[in-house]
PDB file of N, CA and C in Angstrom:
ATOM      1  N   VAL A   1      87.508 107.157 107.468  1.00  0.00           N
ATOM      2  CA  VAL A   1      88.937 107.188 107.714  1.00  0.00           C
ATOM      3  C   VAL A   1      89.575 106.084 106.875  1.00  0.00           C
ATOM      4  N   VAL A   2      90.638 106.437 106.197  1.00  0.00           N
ATOM      5  CA  VAL A   2      91.413 105.482 105.389  1.00  0.00           C
ATOM      6  C   VAL A   2      92.817 105.419 105.973  1.00  0.00           C
ATOM      7  N   PHE A   3      93.290 104.222 106.263  1.00  0.00           N
ATOM      8  CA  PHE A   3      94.664 104.048 106.710  1.00  0.00           C
ATOM      9  C   PHE A   3      95.503 103.604 105.527  1.00  0.00           C
ATOM     10  N   CYS A   4      96.539 104.374 105.214  1.00  0.00           N
ATOM     11  CA  CYS A   4      97.442 104.009 104.118  1.00  0.00           C
ATOM     12  C   CYS A   4      98.189 102.734 104.465  1.00  0.00           C
ATOM     13  N   LYS A   5      98.658 102.075 103.428  1.00  0.00           N
ATOM     14  CA  LYS A   5      99.465 100.871 103.613  1.00  0.00           C
ATOM     15  C   LYS A   5     100.715 101.230 104.412  1.00  0.00           C
ATOM     16  N   GLY A   6     101.035 100.408 105.389  1.00  0.00           N
ATOM     17  CA  GLY A   6     102.232 100.641 106.193  1.00  0.00           C
ATOM     18  C   GLY A   6     101.972 101.397 107.484  1.00  0.00           C
ATOM     19  N   VAL A   7     100.734 101.839 107.723  1.00  0.00           N
ATOM     20  CA  VAL A   7     100.436 102.567 108.964  1.00  0.00           C
ATOM     21  C   VAL A   7     100.210 101.591 110.110  1.00  0.00           C
ATOM     22  N   ALA A   8      99.275 100.660 109.950  1.00  0.00           N
ATOM     23  CA  ALA A   8      98.940  99.710 111.009  1.00  0.00           C
ATOM     24  C   ALA A   8     100.141  98.838 111.347  1.00  0.00           C
ATOM     25  N   GLY A   9     100.457  98.783 112.633  1.00  0.00           N
ATOM     26  CA  GLY A   9     101.553  97.937 113.090  1.00  0.00           C
ATOM     27  C   GLY A   9     102.935  98.523 112.922  1.00  0.00           C
ATOM     28  N   ASN A  10     103.058  99.666 112.271  1.00  0.00           N
ATOM     29  CA  ASN A  10     104.355 100.307 112.057  1.00  0.00           C
ATOM     30  C   ASN A  10     104.421 101.534 112.971  1.00  0.00           C
ATOM     31  N   LYS A  11     104.841 101.345 114.214  1.00  0.00           N
ATOM     32  CA  LYS A  11     104.842 102.387 115.240  1.00  0.00           C
ATOM     33  C   LYS A  11     103.422 102.812 115.604  1.00  0.00           C
ATOM     34  N   ALA A  12     102.443 102.077 115.154  1.00  0.00           N
ATOM     35  CA  ALA A  12     101.033 102.336 115.462  1.00  0.00           C
ATOM     36  C   ALA A  12     100.417 100.995 115.836  1.00  0.00           C
ATOM     37  N   PRO A  13      99.251 101.032 116.501  1.00  0.00           N
ATOM     38  CA  PRO A  13      98.577  99.766 116.820  1.00  0.00           C
ATOM     39  C   PRO A  13      98.254  98.971 115.551  1.00  0.00           C
ATOM     40  N   ASN A  14      97.918  97.707 115.746  1.00  0.00           N
ATOM     41  CA  ASN A  14      97.585  96.877 114.584  1.00  0.00           C
ATOM     42  C   ASN A  14      96.252  97.320 113.983  1.00  0.00           C
ATOM     43  N   GLU A  15      95.909  96.752 112.830  1.00  0.00           N
ATOM     44  CA  GLU A  15      94.724  97.170 112.080  1.00  0.00           C
ATOM     45  C   GLU A  15      93.433  97.040 112.894  1.00  0.00           C
ATOM     46  N   HIS A  16      93.274  95.942 113.618  1.00  0.00           N
ATOM     47  CA  HIS A  16      92.062  95.737 114.427  1.00  0.00           C
ATOM     48  C   HIS A  16      91.930  96.812 115.512  1.00  0.00           C
ATOM     49  N   GLU A  17      93.038  97.101 116.192  1.00  0.00           N
ATOM     50  CA  GLU A  17      92.997  98.110 117.258  1.00  0.00           C
ATOM     51  C   GLU A  17      92.703  99.499 116.700  1.00  0.00           C
ATOM     52  N   LEU A  18      93.294  99.854 115.542  1.00  0.00           N
ATOM     53  CA  LEU A  18      93.008 101.146 114.921  1.00  0.00           C
ATOM     54  C   LEU A  18      91.535 101.246 114.552  1.00  0.00           C
ATOM     55  N   ARG A  19      90.989 100.181 113.980  1.00  0.00           N
ATOM     56  CA  ARG A  19      89.565 100.148 113.619  1.00  0.00           C
ATOM     57  C   ARG A  19      88.698 100.371 114.855  1.00  0.00           C
ATOM     58  N   CYS A  20      89.012  99.680 115.932  1.00  0.00           N
ATOM     59  CA  CYS A  20      88.238  99.829 117.172  1.00  0.00           C
ATOM     60  C   CYS A  20      88.283 101.264 117.693  1.00  0.00           C
ATOM     61  N   MET A  21      89.452 101.882 117.655  1.00  0.00           N
ATOM     62  CA  MET A  21      89.585 103.265 118.134  1.00  0.00           C
ATOM     63  C   MET A  21      88.758 104.231 117.294  1.00  0.00           C
ATOM     64  N   VAL A  22      88.850 104.101 115.973  1.00  0.00           N
ATOM     65  CA  VAL A  22      88.114 104.995 115.073  1.00  0.00           C
ATOM     66  C   VAL A  22      86.613 104.802 115.249  1.00  0.00           C
ATOM     67  N   GLU A  23      86.168 103.548 115.293  1.00  0.00           N
ATOM     68  CA  GLU A  23      84.743 103.281 115.434  1.00  0.00           C
ATOM     69  C   GLU A  23      84.221 103.710 116.797  1.00  0.00           C
ATOM     70  N   ALA A  24      85.023 103.561 117.850  1.00  0.00           N
ATOM     71  CA  ALA A  24      84.613 104.017 119.183  1.00  0.00           C
ATOM     72  C   ALA A  24      84.440 105.529 119.222  1.00  0.00           C
ATOM     73  N   ALA A  25      85.194 106.218 118.383  1.00  0.00           N
ATOM     74  CA  ALA A  25      85.094 107.678 118.317  1.00  0.00           C
ATOM     75  C   ALA A  25      83.981 108.128 117.364  1.00  0.00           C
ATOM     76  N   GLY A  26      83.267 107.170 116.758  1.00  0.00           N
ATOM     77  CA  GLY A  26      82.166 107.510 115.862  1.00  0.00           C
ATOM     78  C   GLY A  26      82.522 107.536 114.392  1.00  0.00           C
ATOM     79  N   GLY A  27      83.743 107.152 114.040  1.00  0.00           N
ATOM     80  CA  GLY A  27      84.173 107.167 112.645  1.00  0.00           C
ATOM     81  C   GLY A  27      83.908 105.852 111.942  1.00  0.00           C
ATOM     82  N   GLN A  28      84.088 105.862 110.646  1.00  0.00           N
ATOM     83  CA  GLN A  28      83.955 104.665 109.825  1.00  0.00           C
ATOM     84  C   GLN A  28      85.262 104.446 109.086  1.00  0.00           C
ATOM     85  N   ILE A  29      85.621 103.196 108.923  1.00  0.00           N
ATOM     86  CA  ILE A  29      86.823 102.836 108.176  1.00  0.00           C
ATOM     87  C   ILE A  29      86.439 102.568 106.733  1.00  0.00           C
ATOM     88  N   ILE A  30      87.191 103.134 105.817  1.00  0.00           N
ATOM     89  CA  ILE A  30      87.055 102.801 104.399  1.00  0.00           C
ATOM     90  C   ILE A  30      88.244 101.895 104.087  1.00  0.00           C
ATOM     91  N   PRO A  31      87.976 100.620 103.787  1.00  0.00           N
ATOM     92  CA  PRO A  31      89.088  99.702 103.493  1.00  0.00           C
ATOM     93  C   PRO A  31      89.902 100.193 102.290  1.00  0.00           C
ATOM     94  N   LEU A  32      91.185 100.089 102.391  1.00  0.00           N
ATOM     95  CA  LEU A  32      92.088 100.562 101.346  1.00  0.00           C
ATOM     96  C   LEU A  32      91.725 100.033  99.947  1.00  0.00           C
ATOM     97  N   PRO A  33      91.358  98.755  99.793  1.00  0.00           N
ATOM     98  CA  PRO A  33      91.007  98.284  98.440  1.00  0.00           C
ATOM     99  C   PRO A  33      89.752  98.953  97.863  1.00  0.00           C
ATOM    100  N   GLU A  34      88.918  99.551  98.704  1.00  0.00           N
ATOM    101  CA  GLU A  34      87.667 100.159  98.239  1.00  0.00           C
ATOM    102  C   GLU A  34      87.773 101.643  97.911  1.00  0.00           C
ATOM    103  N   ILE A  35      88.907 102.264  98.192  1.00  0.00           N
ATOM    104  CA  ILE A  35      88.962 103.723  98.039  1.00  0.00           C
ATOM    105  C   ILE A  35      88.868 104.208  96.604  1.00  0.00           C
ATOM    106  N   SER A  36      89.279 103.384  95.662  1.00  0.00           N
ATOM    107  CA  SER A  36      89.206 103.836  94.270  1.00  0.00           C
ATOM    108  C   SER A  36      87.772 103.897  93.761  1.00  0.00           C
ATOM    109  N   SER A  37      86.830 103.274  94.478  1.00  0.00           N
ATOM    110  CA  SER A  37      85.442 103.261  94.019  1.00  0.00           C
ATOM    111  C   SER A  37      84.505 104.134  94.851  1.00  0.00           C
ATOM    112  N   ILE A  38      85.027 104.912  95.797  1.00  0.00           N
ATOM    113  CA  ILE A  38      84.129 105.736  96.603  1.00  0.00           C
ATOM    114  C   ILE A  38      83.714 106.986  95.823  1.00  0.00           C
ATOM    115  N   ALA A  39      82.528 107.455  96.135  1.00  0.00           N
ATOM    116  CA  ALA A  39      81.971 108.629  95.463  1.00  0.00           C
ATOM    117  C   ALA A  39      82.769 109.877  95.823  1.00  0.00           C
ATOM    118  N   PRO A  40      82.854 110.857  94.907  1.00  0.00           N
ATOM    119  CA  PRO A  40      83.609 112.085  95.182  1.00  0.00           C
ATOM    120  C   PRO A  40      83.148 112.831  96.433  1.00  0.00           C
ATOM    121  N   ASP A  41      81.830 112.838  96.733  1.00  0.00           N
ATOM    122  CA  ASP A  41      81.362 113.536  97.934  1.00  0.00           C
ATOM    123  C   ASP A  41      81.828 112.831  99.209  1.00  0.00           C
ATOM    124  N   VAL A  42      81.947 111.509  99.167  1.00  0.00           N
ATOM    125  CA  VAL A  42      82.482 110.758 100.308  1.00  0.00           C
ATOM    126  C   VAL A  42      83.987 110.994 100.411  1.00  0.00           C
ATOM    127  N   ALA A  43      84.672 110.982  99.274  1.00  0.00           N
ATOM    128  CA  ALA A  43      86.125 111.212  99.258  1.00  0.00           C
ATOM    129  C   ALA A  43      86.464 112.591  99.819  1.00  0.00           C
ATOM    130  N   ALA A  44      85.623 113.584  99.544  1.00  0.00           N
ATOM    131  CA  ALA A  44      85.873 114.943 100.023  1.00  0.00           C
ATOM    132  C   ALA A  44      85.779 115.047 101.544  1.00  0.00           C
ATOM    133  N   LYS A  45      85.101 114.096 102.169  1.00  0.00           N
ATOM    134  CA  LYS A  45      84.958 114.101 103.630  1.00  0.00           C
ATOM    135  C   LYS A  45      85.874 113.090 104.303  1.00  0.00           C
ATOM    136  N   ALA A  46      86.637 112.369 103.510  1.00  0.00           N
ATOM    137  CA  ALA A  46      87.492 111.315 104.052  1.00  0.00           C
ATOM    138  C   ALA A  46      88.707 111.894 104.762  1.00  0.00           C
ATOM    139  N   ILE A  47      89.171 111.172 105.745  1.00  0.00           N
ATOM    140  CA  ILE A  47      90.411 111.494 106.447  1.00  0.00           C
ATOM    141  C   ILE A  47      91.377 110.358 106.147  1.00  0.00           C
ATOM    142  N   VAL A  48      92.484 110.694 105.515  1.00  0.00           N
ATOM    143  CA  VAL A  48      93.506 109.706 105.163  1.00  0.00           C
ATOM    144  C   VAL A  48      94.620 109.808 106.194  1.00  0.00           C
ATOM    145  N   ILE A  49      94.989 108.676 106.771  1.00  0.00           N
ATOM    146  CA  ILE A  49      96.057 108.651 107.777  1.00  0.00           C
ATOM    147  C   ILE A  49      97.301 108.040 107.149  1.00  0.00           C
ATOM    148  N   ILE A  50      98.379 108.822 107.200  1.00  0.00           N
ATOM    149  CA  ILE A  50      99.678 108.381 106.688  1.00  0.00           C
ATOM    150  C   ILE A  50     100.628 108.175 107.861  1.00  0.00           C
ATOM    151  N   SER A  51     101.726 107.526 107.617  1.00  0.00           N
ATOM    152  CA  SER A  51     102.748 107.334 108.645  1.00  0.00           C
ATOM    153  C   SER A  51     103.438 108.659 108.946  1.00  0.00           C
ATOM    154  N   ASP A  52     104.084 108.706 110.092  1.00  0.00           N
ATOM    155  CA  ASP A  52     104.849 109.887 110.471  1.00  0.00           C
ATOM    156  C   ASP A  52     106.244 109.409 110.849  1.00  0.00           C
ATOM    157  N   PRO A  53     107.222 109.581 109.970  1.00  0.00           N
ATOM    158  CA  PRO A  53     107.213 110.292 108.700  1.00  0.00           C
ATOM    159  C   PRO A  53     106.528 109.462 107.616  1.00  0.00           C
ATOM    160  N   VAL A  54     106.102 110.163 106.571  1.00  0.00           N
ATOM    161  CA  VAL A  54     105.398 109.515 105.466  1.00  0.00           C
ATOM    162  C   VAL A  54     106.318 108.503 104.793  1.00  0.00           C
ATOM    163  N   LEU A  55     105.749 107.352 104.444  1.00  0.00           N
ATOM    164  CA  LEU A  55     106.513 106.318 103.753  1.00  0.00           C
ATOM    165  C   LEU A  55     106.394 106.511 102.241  1.00  0.00           C
ATOM    166  N   PRO A  56     107.395 106.105 101.481  1.00  0.00           N
ATOM    167  CA  PRO A  56     107.333 106.249 100.019  1.00  0.00           C
ATOM    168  C   PRO A  56     106.081 105.583  99.444  1.00  0.00           C
ATOM    169  N   GLY A  57     105.415 106.286  98.561  1.00  0.00           N
ATOM    170  CA  GLY A  57     104.251 105.742  97.882  1.00  0.00           C
ATOM    171  C   GLY A  57     102.939 105.835  98.632  1.00  0.00           C
ATOM    172  N   GLN A  58     102.943 106.337  99.885  1.00  0.00           N
ATOM    173  CA  GLN A  58     101.688 106.402 100.629  1.00  0.00           C
ATOM    174  C   GLN A  58     100.700 107.401 100.027  1.00  0.00           C
ATOM    175  N   ILE A  59     101.196 108.477  99.457  1.00  0.00           N
ATOM    176  CA  ILE A  59     100.298 109.476  98.884  1.00  0.00           C
ATOM    177  C   ILE A  59     100.427 109.405  97.367  1.00  0.00           C
ATOM    178  N   SER A  60      99.715 108.437  96.802  1.00  0.00           N
ATOM    179  CA  SER A  60      99.720 108.272  95.354  1.00  0.00           C
ATOM    180  C   SER A  60      98.413 107.617  94.942  1.00  0.00           C
ATOM    181  N   GLY A  61      98.140 107.598  93.663  1.00  0.00           N
ATOM    182  CA  GLY A  61      96.950 106.946  93.131  1.00  0.00           C
ATOM    183  C   GLY A  61      95.668 107.443  93.769  1.00  0.00           C
ATOM    184  N   PRO A  62      94.843 106.522  94.264  1.00  0.00           N
ATOM    185  CA  PRO A  62      93.551 106.907  94.847  1.00  0.00           C
ATOM    186  C   PRO A  62      93.680 107.820  96.073  1.00  0.00           C
ATOM    187  N   ILE A  63      94.754 107.665  96.838  1.00  0.00           N
ATOM    188  CA  ILE A  63      94.956 108.530  98.010  1.00  0.00           C
ATOM    189  C   ILE A  63      95.153 109.965  97.548  1.00  0.00           C
ATOM    190  N   ALA A  64      95.947 110.177  96.528  1.00  0.00           N
ATOM    191  CA  ALA A  64      96.160 111.524  95.991  1.00  0.00           C
ATOM    192  C   ALA A  64      94.855 112.106  95.464  1.00  0.00           C
ATOM    193  N   LYS A  65      94.015 111.263  94.857  1.00  0.00           N
ATOM    194  CA  LYS A  65      92.727 111.739  94.344  1.00  0.00           C
ATOM    195  C   LYS A  65      91.805 112.184  95.476  1.00  0.00           C
ATOM    196  N   ILE A  66      91.847 111.478  96.608  1.00  0.00           N
ATOM    197  CA  ILE A  66      91.055 111.888  97.767  1.00  0.00           C
ATOM    198  C   ILE A  66      91.495 113.277  98.216  1.00  0.00           C
ATOM    199  N   ALA A  67      92.796 113.502  98.268  1.00  0.00           N
ATOM    200  CA  ALA A  67      93.318 114.817  98.672  1.00  0.00           C
ATOM    201  C   ALA A  67      92.913 115.891  97.665  1.00  0.00           C
ATOM    202  N   GLU A  68      92.913 115.559  96.382  1.00  0.00           N
ATOM    203  CA  GLU A  68      92.562 116.527  95.339  1.00  0.00           C
ATOM    204  C   GLU A  68      91.119 117.000  95.444  1.00  0.00           C
ATOM    205  N   VAL A  69      90.204 116.128  95.894  1.00  0.00           N
ATOM    206  CA  VAL A  69      88.792 116.518  95.995  1.00  0.00           C
ATOM    207  C   VAL A  69      88.447 117.105  97.359  1.00  0.00           C
ATOM    208  N   GLY A  70      89.446 117.266  98.220  1.00  0.00           N
ATOM    209  CA  GLY A  70      89.218 117.934  99.496  1.00  0.00           C
ATOM    210  C   GLY A  70      89.318 117.069 100.724  1.00  0.00           C
ATOM    211  N   GLY A  71      89.600 115.786 100.547  1.00  0.00           N
ATOM    212  CA  GLY A  71      89.786 114.928 101.714  1.00  0.00           C
ATOM    213  C   GLY A  71      91.048 115.331 102.465  1.00  0.00           C
ATOM    214  N   GLY A  72      91.084 115.068 103.748  1.00  0.00           N
ATOM    215  CA  GLY A  72      92.230 115.446 104.574  1.00  0.00           C
ATOM    216  C   GLY A  72      93.294 114.368 104.609  1.00  0.00           C
ATOM    217  N   VAL A  73      94.541 114.766 104.580  1.00  0.00           N
ATOM    218  CA  VAL A  73      95.670 113.853 104.701  1.00  0.00           C
ATOM    219  C   VAL A  73      96.416 114.256 105.966  1.00  0.00           C
ATOM    220  N   PHE A  74      96.414 113.348 106.937  1.00  0.00           N
ATOM    221  CA  PHE A  74      97.006 113.646 108.238  1.00  0.00           C
ATOM    222  C   PHE A  74      97.889 112.494 108.687  1.00  0.00           C
ATOM    223  N   SER A  75      98.811 112.798 109.588  1.00  0.00           N
ATOM    224  CA  SER A  75      99.738 111.781 110.085  1.00  0.00           C
ATOM    225  C   SER A  75      99.126 111.021 111.263  1.00  0.00           C
ATOM    226  N   THR A  76      99.762 109.907 111.614  1.00  0.00           N
ATOM    227  CA  THR A  76      99.333 109.156 112.787  1.00  0.00           C
ATOM    228  C   THR A  76      99.480 110.008 114.043  1.00  0.00           C
ATOM    229  N   THR A  77     100.457 110.886 114.066  1.00  0.00           N
ATOM    230  CA  THR A  77     100.623 111.792 115.212  1.00  0.00           C
ATOM    231  C   THR A  77      99.380 112.655 115.380  1.00  0.00           C
ATOM    232  N   TRP A  78      98.883 113.210 114.286  1.00  0.00           N
ATOM    233  CA  TRP A  78      97.655 114.006 114.333  1.00  0.00           C
ATOM    234  C   TRP A  78      96.482 113.167 114.842  1.00  0.00           C
ATOM    235  N   LEU A  79      96.369 111.923 114.359  1.00  0.00           N
ATOM    236  CA  LEU A  79      95.271 111.050 114.765  1.00  0.00           C
ATOM    237  C   LEU A  79      95.288 110.830 116.274  1.00  0.00           C
ATOM    238  N   PHE A  80      96.454 110.512 116.823  1.00  0.00           N
ATOM    239  CA  PHE A  80      96.528 110.246 118.257  1.00  0.00           C
ATOM    240  C   PHE A  80      96.362 111.522 119.078  1.00  0.00           C
ATOM    241  N   ASP A  81      96.800 112.663 118.557  1.00  0.00           N
ATOM    242  CA  ASP A  81      96.512 113.943 119.210  1.00  0.00           C
ATOM    243  C   ASP A  81      95.008 114.172 119.258  1.00  0.00           C
ATOM    244  N   SER A  82      94.322 113.836 118.173  1.00  0.00           N
ATOM    245  CA  SER A  82      92.865 113.995 118.117  1.00  0.00           C
ATOM    246  C   SER A  82      92.175 113.095 119.131  1.00  0.00           C
ATOM    247  N   PHE A  83      92.644 111.859 119.267  1.00  0.00           N
ATOM    248  CA  PHE A  83      92.075 110.968 120.282  1.00  0.00           C
ATOM    249  C   PHE A  83      92.333 111.537 121.678  1.00  0.00           C
ATOM    250  N   PHE A  84      93.552 111.982 121.913  1.00  0.00           N
ATOM    251  CA  PHE A  84      93.931 112.498 123.224  1.00  0.00           C
ATOM    252  C   PHE A  84      93.109 113.732 123.600  1.00  0.00           C
ATOM    253  N   HIS A  85      92.960 114.665 122.672  1.00  0.00           N
ATOM    254  CA  HIS A  85      92.231 115.910 122.934  1.00  0.00           C
ATOM    255  C   HIS A  85      90.732 115.770 122.699  1.00  0.00           C
ATOM    256  N   GLN A  86      90.301 114.636 122.176  1.00  0.00           N
ATOM    257  CA  GLN A  86      88.903 114.333 121.894  1.00  0.00           C
ATOM    258  C   GLN A  86      88.256 115.347 120.956  1.00  0.00           C
ATOM    259  N   LYS A  87      89.034 115.785 119.986  1.00  0.00           N
ATOM    260  CA  LYS A  87      88.519 116.651 118.928  1.00  0.00           C
ATOM    261  C   LYS A  87      89.463 116.559 117.737  1.00  0.00           C
ATOM    262  N   LEU A  88      88.911 116.850 116.568  1.00  0.00           N
ATOM    263  CA  LEU A  88      89.713 116.808 115.346  1.00  0.00           C
ATOM    264  C   LEU A  88      90.445 118.131 115.208  1.00  0.00           C
ATOM    265  N   VAL A  89      91.600 118.203 115.801  1.00  0.00           N
ATOM    266  CA  VAL A  89      92.403 119.412 115.824  1.00  0.00           C
ATOM    267  C   VAL A  89      92.726 119.860 114.408  1.00  0.00           C
ATOM    268  N   GLY A  90      92.358 121.087 114.058  1.00  0.00           N
ATOM    269  CA  GLY A  90      92.762 121.665 112.798  1.00  0.00           C
ATOM    270  C   GLY A  90      91.856 121.419 111.611  1.00  0.00           C
ATOM    271  N   MET A  91      90.747 120.715 111.777  1.00  0.00           N
ATOM    272  CA  MET A  91      89.887 120.433 110.626  1.00  0.00           C
ATOM    273  C   MET A  91      89.297 121.715 110.043  1.00  0.00           C
ATOM    274  N   LYS A  92      88.727 122.575 110.883  1.00  0.00           N
ATOM    275  CA  LYS A  92      88.156 123.824 110.381  1.00  0.00           C
ATOM    276  C   LYS A  92      89.253 124.722 109.828  1.00  0.00           C
ATOM    277  N   LEU A  93      90.367 124.795 110.526  1.00  0.00           N
ATOM    278  CA  LEU A  93      91.484 125.625 110.077  1.00  0.00           C
ATOM    279  C   LEU A  93      92.003 125.124 108.738  1.00  0.00           C
ATOM    280  N   ARG A  94      92.096 123.816 108.592  1.00  0.00           N
ATOM    281  CA  ARG A  94      92.582 123.248 107.338  1.00  0.00           C
ATOM    282  C   ARG A  94      91.684 123.666 106.178  1.00  0.00           C
ATOM    283  N   ARG A  95      90.372 123.601 106.362  1.00  0.00           N
ATOM    284  CA  ARG A  95      89.439 123.974 105.298  1.00  0.00           C
ATOM    285  C   ARG A  95      89.595 125.456 104.939  1.00  0.00           C
ATOM    286  N   LYS A  96      89.792 126.319 105.942  1.00  0.00           N
ATOM    287  CA  LYS A  96      89.970 127.751 105.676  1.00  0.00           C
ATOM    288  C   LYS A  96      91.254 127.995 104.888  1.00  0.00           C
ATOM    289  N   LEU A  97      92.316 127.299 105.275  1.00  0.00           N
ATOM    290  CA  LEU A  97      93.602 127.516 104.618  1.00  0.00           C
ATOM    291  C   LEU A  97      93.603 127.031 103.185  1.00  0.00           C
ATOM    292  N   GLU A  98      92.759 126.050 102.885  1.00  0.00           N
ATOM    293  CA  GLU A  98      92.709 125.559 101.519  1.00  0.00           C
ATOM    294  C   GLU A  98      92.129 126.593 100.570  1.00  0.00           C
ATOM    295  N   THR A  99      91.244 127.435 101.056  1.00  0.00           N
ATOM    296  CA  THR A  99      90.628 128.433 100.187  1.00  0.00           C
ATOM    297  C   THR A  99      91.400 129.747 100.205  1.00  0.00           C
ATOM    298  N   GLU A 100      91.825 130.167 101.368  1.00  0.00           N
ATOM    299  CA  GLU A 100      92.622 131.386 101.470  1.00  0.00           C
ATOM    300  C   GLU A 100      93.196 131.524 102.869  1.00  0.00           C
ATOM    301  N   MET A 101      94.238 132.296 102.989  1.00  0.00           N
ATOM    302  CA  MET A 101      94.838 132.549 104.283  1.00  0.00           C
ATOM    303  C   MET A 101      93.943 133.532 105.025  1.00  0.00           C
ATOM    304  N   THR A 102      93.595 133.223 106.273  1.00  0.00           N
ATOM    305  CA  THR A 102      92.699 134.109 107.025  1.00  0.00           C
ATOM    306  C   THR A 102      93.432 134.740 108.193  1.00  0.00           C
ATOM    307  N   SER A 103      92.805 135.746 108.758  1.00  0.00           N
ATOM    308  CA  SER A 103      93.413 136.418 109.910  1.00  0.00           C
ATOM    309  C   SER A 103      93.314 135.572 111.167  1.00  0.00           C
ATOM    310  N   ASN A 104      92.484 134.517 111.142  1.00  0.00           N
ATOM    311  CA  ASN A 104      92.334 133.643 112.306  1.00  0.00           C
ATOM    312  C   ASN A 104      93.420 132.573 112.382  1.00  0.00           C
ATOM    313  N   TYR A 105      94.322 132.543 111.405  1.00  0.00           N
ATOM    314  CA  TYR A 105      95.371 131.526 111.381  1.00  0.00           C
ATOM    315  C   TYR A 105      96.302 131.712 112.567  1.00  0.00           C
ATOM    316  N   GLU A 106      96.448 130.656 113.344  1.00  0.00           N
ATOM    317  CA  GLU A 106      97.335 130.682 114.499  1.00  0.00           C
ATOM    318  C   GLU A 106      98.442 129.663 114.280  1.00  0.00           C
ATOM    319  N   PRO A 107      99.638 130.119 113.909  1.00  0.00           N
ATOM    320  CA  PRO A 107     100.717 129.175 113.641  1.00  0.00           C
ATOM    321  C   PRO A 107     101.032 128.267 114.819  1.00  0.00           C
ATOM    322  N   SER A 108     100.684 128.699 116.048  1.00  0.00           N
ATOM    323  CA  SER A 108     100.962 127.860 117.205  1.00  0.00           C
ATOM    324  C   SER A 108     100.048 126.642 117.260  1.00  0.00           C
ATOM    325  N   VAL A 109      98.971 126.652 116.493  1.00  0.00           N
ATOM    326  CA  VAL A 109      98.043 125.528 116.509  1.00  0.00           C
ATOM    327  C   VAL A 109      98.457 124.466 115.500  1.00  0.00           C
ATOM    328  N   LEU A 110      98.634 124.855 114.246  1.00  0.00           N
ATOM    329  CA  LEU A 110      99.037 123.917 113.205  1.00  0.00           C
ATOM    330  C   LEU A 110     100.035 124.560 112.269  1.00  0.00           C
ATOM    331  N   THR A 111     100.912 123.755 111.752  1.00  0.00           N
ATOM    332  CA  THR A 111     101.892 124.239 110.805  1.00  0.00           C
ATOM    333  C   THR A 111     101.694 123.517 109.492  1.00  0.00           C
ATOM    334  N   PRO A 112     101.399 124.240 108.388  1.00  0.00           N
ATOM    335  CA  PRO A 112     101.227 123.538 107.109  1.00  0.00           C
ATOM    336  C   PRO A 112     102.552 122.987 106.605  1.00  0.00           C
ATOM    337  N   ARG A 113     102.466 121.854 105.950  1.00  0.00           N
ATOM    338  CA  ARG A 113     103.644 121.293 105.300  1.00  0.00           C
ATOM    339  C   ARG A 113     103.183 120.590 104.035  1.00  0.00           C
ATOM    340  N   SER A 114     104.063 120.432 103.098  1.00  0.00           N
ATOM    341  CA  SER A 114     103.709 119.791 101.841  1.00  0.00           C
ATOM    342  C   SER A 114     104.364 118.424 101.779  1.00  0.00           C
ATOM    343  N   ILE A 115     103.567 117.413 101.481  1.00  0.00           N
ATOM    344  CA  ILE A 115     104.085 116.063 101.331  1.00  0.00           C
ATOM    345  C   ILE A 115     103.732 115.622  99.915  1.00  0.00           C
ATOM    346  N   ASN A 116     104.738 115.496  99.065  1.00  0.00           N
ATOM    347  CA  ASN A 116     104.515 115.092  97.669  1.00  0.00           C
ATOM    348  C   ASN A 116     103.422 115.933  97.019  1.00  0.00           C
ATOM    349  N   ASN A 117     103.483 117.248  97.187  1.00  0.00           N
ATOM    350  CA  ASN A 117     102.534 118.199  96.615  1.00  0.00           C
ATOM    351  C   ASN A 117     101.128 118.099  97.177  1.00  0.00           C
ATOM    352  N   VAL A 118     100.929 117.428  98.312  1.00  0.00           N
ATOM    353  CA  VAL A 118      99.629 117.372  98.974  1.00  0.00           C
ATOM    354  C   VAL A 118      99.749 118.160 100.263  1.00  0.00           C
ATOM    355  N   GLN A 119      98.840 119.105 100.470  1.00  0.00           N
ATOM    356  CA  GLN A 119      98.900 119.923 101.677  1.00  0.00           C
ATOM    357  C   GLN A 119      98.464 119.080 102.872  1.00  0.00           C
ATOM    358  N   SER A 120      99.229 119.103 103.907  1.00  0.00           N
ATOM    359  CA  SER A 120      98.928 118.374 105.125  1.00  0.00           C
ATOM    360  C   SER A 120      99.219 119.307 106.288  1.00  0.00           C
ATOM    361  N   PHE A 121      98.895 118.880 107.478  1.00  0.00           N
ATOM    362  CA  PHE A 121      99.153 119.695 108.646  1.00  0.00           C
ATOM    363  C   PHE A 121      99.762 118.852 109.719  1.00  0.00           C
ATOM    364  N   GLU A 122     100.733 119.424 110.397  1.00  0.00           N
ATOM    365  CA  GLU A 122     101.316 118.706 111.496  1.00  0.00           C
ATOM    366  C   GLU A 122     100.994 119.444 112.787  1.00  0.00           C
ATOM    367  N   SER A 123     100.782 118.698 113.819  1.00  0.00           N
ATOM    368  CA  SER A 123     100.439 119.270 115.095  1.00  0.00           C
ATOM    369  C   SER A 123     101.714 119.549 115.885  1.00  0.00           C
ATOM    370  N   PRO A 124     101.718 120.590 116.707  1.00  0.00           N
ATOM    371  CA  PRO A 124     102.894 120.860 117.530  1.00  0.00           C
ATOM    372  C   PRO A 124     102.960 119.950 118.757  1.00  0.00           C
ATOM    373  N   PHE A 125     101.980 119.063 118.923  1.00  0.00           N
ATOM    374  CA  PHE A 125     101.875 118.265 120.134  1.00  0.00           C
ATOM    375  C   PHE A 125     102.666 116.968 120.100  1.00  0.00           C
ATOM    376  N   HIS A 126     103.478 116.745 119.076  1.00  0.00           N
ATOM    377  CA  HIS A 126     104.224 115.488 119.017  1.00  0.00           C
ATOM    378  C   HIS A 126     105.637 115.647 119.473  1.00  0.00           C
TER     379      HIS A 126
END
């Protein structure tokens, strides 16, 4: 999990608390300064958390490259919905939608939206 600059402490818990939550759920934090050097296979499995609403410049440079190789870009709202429901809501659906639209698509579950030309998903639970 990568937290974009401006997420921690901005309507979200501070950096230490976010780290504790992610690690308690079994995730690993990739520090923002290290993202430009991660391997493409790791980047493809990364979850990038942006602010809700997205702040200017959050999806650029290495973050955009993570999205290009298949990493997920999700809002803090999605992250907290995932903690609340104890599952990564929309991960399988997101992967299906990236390749093609399927008959299993349920608009009531997730709604696709584009943020600076990066496909993201917003949950209806916010």
